[in-house]
Amino acid sequence: MSSRSIRDGKGKAAYKRKRRQLLARVRAEGLVCHICGGAIDVTLDRRDAMSFTADHMVPLARGGDLVKNELRPAHLRCNARRGDSAPIQIEEWGAT
């Protein structure tokens, strides 16, 4: 999916559904940030550095797909620091 398609909104609803599903798993299962391993407080304002965000395993800037790409939970700060670097390998991970 090109960056123009993302701007045009193609696939955005499907991405939002996947993000909501991941957030529900974080709440129910207590999943942690896949980057730092710290707990994610889902009650924080979305602009807070330690709030929940869905991280694309293959960054969109590196050709990752908005919808087909695997999402993993992360802190907003950790996700921003990672930027468009290569996917992080963590063993024993079960999020989809």
C-alpha atoms as a PDB file:
ATOM      1  CA  MET A   1       0.000   0.000   0.000  1.00  0.00           C
ATOM      2  CA  SER A   2       1.515   3.297  -1.014  1.00  0.00           C
ATOM      3  CA  SER A   3       1.743   6.283   1.294  1.00  0.00           C
ATOM      4  CA  ARG A   4      -0.741   8.018  -0.992  1.00  0.00           C
ATOM      5  CA  SER A   5      -3.258   5.190  -0.389  1.00  0.00           C
ATOM      6  CA  ILE A   6      -2.792   5.646   3.354  1.00  0.00           C
ATOM      7  CA  ARG A   7      -3.466   9.362   3.055  1.00  0.00           C
ATOM      8  CA  ASP A   8      -6.550   8.614   0.943  1.00  0.00           C
ATOM      9  CA  GLY A   9      -7.914   6.436   3.751  1.00  0.00           C
ATOM     10  CA  LYS A  10      -7.757   3.034   2.036  1.00  0.00           C
ATOM     11  CA  GLY A  11      -7.588   0.323   4.641  1.00  0.00           C
ATOM     12  CA  LYS A  12      -7.888   2.739   7.546  1.00  0.00           C
ATOM     13  CA  ALA A  13     -11.072   1.163   8.944  1.00  0.00           C
ATOM     14  CA  ALA A  14      -9.508  -2.313   8.893  1.00  0.00           C
ATOM     15  CA  TYR A  15      -6.388  -0.958  10.630  1.00  0.00           C
ATOM     16  CA  LYS A  16      -8.511   0.678  13.332  1.00  0.00           C
ATOM     17  CA  ARG A  17     -10.327  -2.634  13.917  1.00  0.00           C
ATOM     18  CA  LYS A  18      -7.016  -4.478  14.319  1.00  0.00           C
ATOM     19  CA  ARG A  19      -5.749  -1.776  16.680  1.00  0.00           C
ATOM     20  CA  ARG A  20      -8.910  -1.989  18.828  1.00  0.00           C
ATOM     21  CA  GLN A  21      -8.561  -5.793  18.980  1.00  0.00           C
ATOM     22  CA  LEU A  22      -4.951  -5.464  20.101  1.00  0.00           C
ATOM     23  CA  LEU A  23      -5.923  -2.894  22.742  1.00  0.00           C
ATOM     24  CA  ALA A  24      -8.594  -5.291  24.044  1.00  0.00           C
ATOM     25  CA  ARG A  25      -5.930  -8.016  24.352  1.00  0.00           C
ATOM     26  CA  VAL A  26      -3.629  -5.641  26.223  1.00  0.00           C
ATOM     27  CA  ARG A  27      -6.455  -4.914  28.668  1.00  0.00           C
ATOM     28  CA  ALA A  28      -7.557  -8.543  29.058  1.00  0.00           C
ATOM     29  CA  GLU A  29      -4.206 -10.340  29.010  1.00  0.00           C
ATOM     30  CA  GLY A  30      -1.906  -7.651  30.360  1.00  0.00           C
ATOM     31  CA  LEU A  31       0.367  -7.720  27.314  1.00  0.00           C
ATOM     32  CA  VAL A  32       3.507  -5.617  27.704  1.00  0.00           C
ATOM     33  CA  CYS A  33       5.430  -3.300  25.371  1.00  0.00           C
ATOM     34  CA  HIS A  34       7.191  -5.568  22.908  1.00  0.00           C
ATOM     35  CA  ILE A  35      10.116  -3.127  22.678  1.00  0.00           C
ATOM     36  CA  CYS A  36      11.032  -2.476  26.323  1.00  0.00           C
ATOM     37  CA  GLY A  37       9.021  -5.175  28.098  1.00  0.00           C
ATOM     38  CA  GLY A  38       7.333  -2.646  30.415  1.00  0.00           C
ATOM     39  CA  ALA A  39       3.674  -2.700  31.416  1.00  0.00           C
ATOM     40  CA  ILE A  40       1.310  -0.509  29.382  1.00  0.00           C
ATOM     41  CA  ASP A  41      -1.170   1.643  31.298  1.00  0.00           C
ATOM     42  CA  VAL A  42      -4.218   1.734  29.013  1.00  0.00           C
ATOM     43  CA  THR A  43      -5.870   4.456  31.128  1.00  0.00           C
ATOM     44  CA  LEU A  44      -3.329   7.096  30.081  1.00  0.00           C
ATOM     45  CA  ASP A  45      -4.193   9.824  27.584  1.00  0.00           C
ATOM     46  CA  ARG A  46      -3.135   8.751  24.083  1.00  0.00           C
ATOM     47  CA  ARG A  47      -0.650  11.667  23.942  1.00  0.00           C
ATOM     48  CA  ASP A  48       1.207  10.461  27.055  1.00  0.00           C
ATOM     49  CA  ALA A  49       4.645   9.002  26.294  1.00  0.00           C
ATOM     50  CA  MET A  50       3.828   5.766  28.140  1.00  0.00           C
ATOM     51  CA  SER A  51       0.380   5.250  26.569  1.00  0.00           C
ATOM     52  CA  PHE A  52      -0.603   2.328  24.313  1.00  0.00           C
ATOM     53  CA  THR A  53       0.147   2.366  20.635  1.00  0.00           C
ATOM     54  CA  ALA A  54       0.082  -0.353  17.993  1.00  0.00           C
ATOM     55  CA  ASP A  55       3.487  -0.872  16.392  1.00  0.00           C
ATOM     56  CA  HIS A  56       3.789  -2.209  12.844  1.00  0.00           C
ATOM     57  CA  MET A  57       6.434  -4.924  12.780  1.00  0.00           C
ATOM     58  CA  VAL A  58       7.514  -3.834   9.298  1.00  0.00           C
ATOM     59  CA  PRO A  59       7.434  -0.021   9.373  1.00  0.00           C
ATOM     60  CA  LEU A  60       5.244   1.630   6.754  1.00  0.00           C
ATOM     61  CA  ALA A  61       8.256   3.688   5.661  1.00  0.00           C
ATOM     62  CA  ARG A  62      10.048   0.430   4.797  1.00  0.00           C
ATOM     63  CA  GLY A  63       7.205  -0.935   2.699  1.00  0.00           C
ATOM     64  CA  GLY A  64       5.034  -2.433   5.429  1.00  0.00           C
ATOM     65  CA  ASP A  65       1.316  -2.708   4.800  1.00  0.00           C
ATOM     66  CA  LEU A  66      -1.143  -0.721   6.899  1.00  0.00           C
ATOM     67  CA  VAL A  67      -3.552  -3.638   7.349  1.00  0.00           C
ATOM     68  CA  LYS A  68      -1.753  -6.891   6.502  1.00  0.00           C
ATOM     69  CA  ASN A  69       1.223  -6.037   8.693  1.00  0.00           C
ATOM     70  CA  GLU A  70       1.403  -7.631  12.144  1.00  0.00           C
ATOM     71  CA  LEU A  71       0.732  -5.232  15.027  1.00  0.00           C
ATOM     72  CA  ARG A  72       2.312  -5.495  18.460  1.00  0.00           C
ATOM     73  CA  PRO A  73       1.656  -3.399  21.569  1.00  0.00           C
ATOM     74  CA  ALA A  74       4.154  -0.699  22.475  1.00  0.00           C
ATOM     75  CA  HIS A  75       4.510   2.483  24.468  1.00  0.00           C
ATOM     76  CA  LEU A  76       4.165   5.605  22.350  1.00  0.00           C
ATOM     77  CA  ARG A  77       7.700   6.647  23.383  1.00  0.00           C
ATOM     78  CA  CYS A  78       9.241   3.260  22.527  1.00  0.00           C
ATOM     79  CA  ASN A  79       7.478   3.161  19.158  1.00  0.00           C
ATOM     80  CA  ALA A  80       8.652   6.690  18.314  1.00  0.00           C
ATOM     81  CA  ARG A  81      12.239   5.856  19.295  1.00  0.00           C
ATOM     82  CA  ARG A  82      12.233   2.744  17.149  1.00  0.00           C
ATOM     83  CA  GLY A  83      11.037   4.794  14.201  1.00  0.00           C
ATOM     84  CA  ASP A  84      11.487   2.947  10.928  1.00  0.00           C
ATOM     85  CA  SER A  85      14.292   0.653  12.081  1.00  0.00           C
ATOM     86  CA  ALA A  86      14.231  -3.067  11.403  1.00  0.00           C
ATOM     87  CA  PRO A  87      11.753  -5.291  13.255  1.00  0.00           C
ATOM     88  CA  ILE A  88      12.727  -6.251  16.787  1.00  0.00           C
ATOM     89  CA  GLN A  89      13.071  -9.952  17.489  1.00  0.00           C
ATOM     90  CA  ILE A  90      11.627 -11.098  20.806  1.00  0.00           C
ATOM     91  CA  GLU A  91      11.240 -14.764  21.634  1.00  0.00           C
ATOM     92  CA  GLU A  92       8.070 -16.205  23.139  1.00  0.00           C
ATOM     93  CA  TRP A  93       5.780 -13.540  21.678  1.00  0.00           C
ATOM     94  CA  GLY A  94       2.148 -14.404  20.984  1.00  0.00           C
ATOM     95  CA  ALA A  95       0.469 -11.160  19.881  1.00  0.00           C
ATOM     96  CA  THR A  96      -1.097 -10.872  16.453  1.00  0.00           C
END
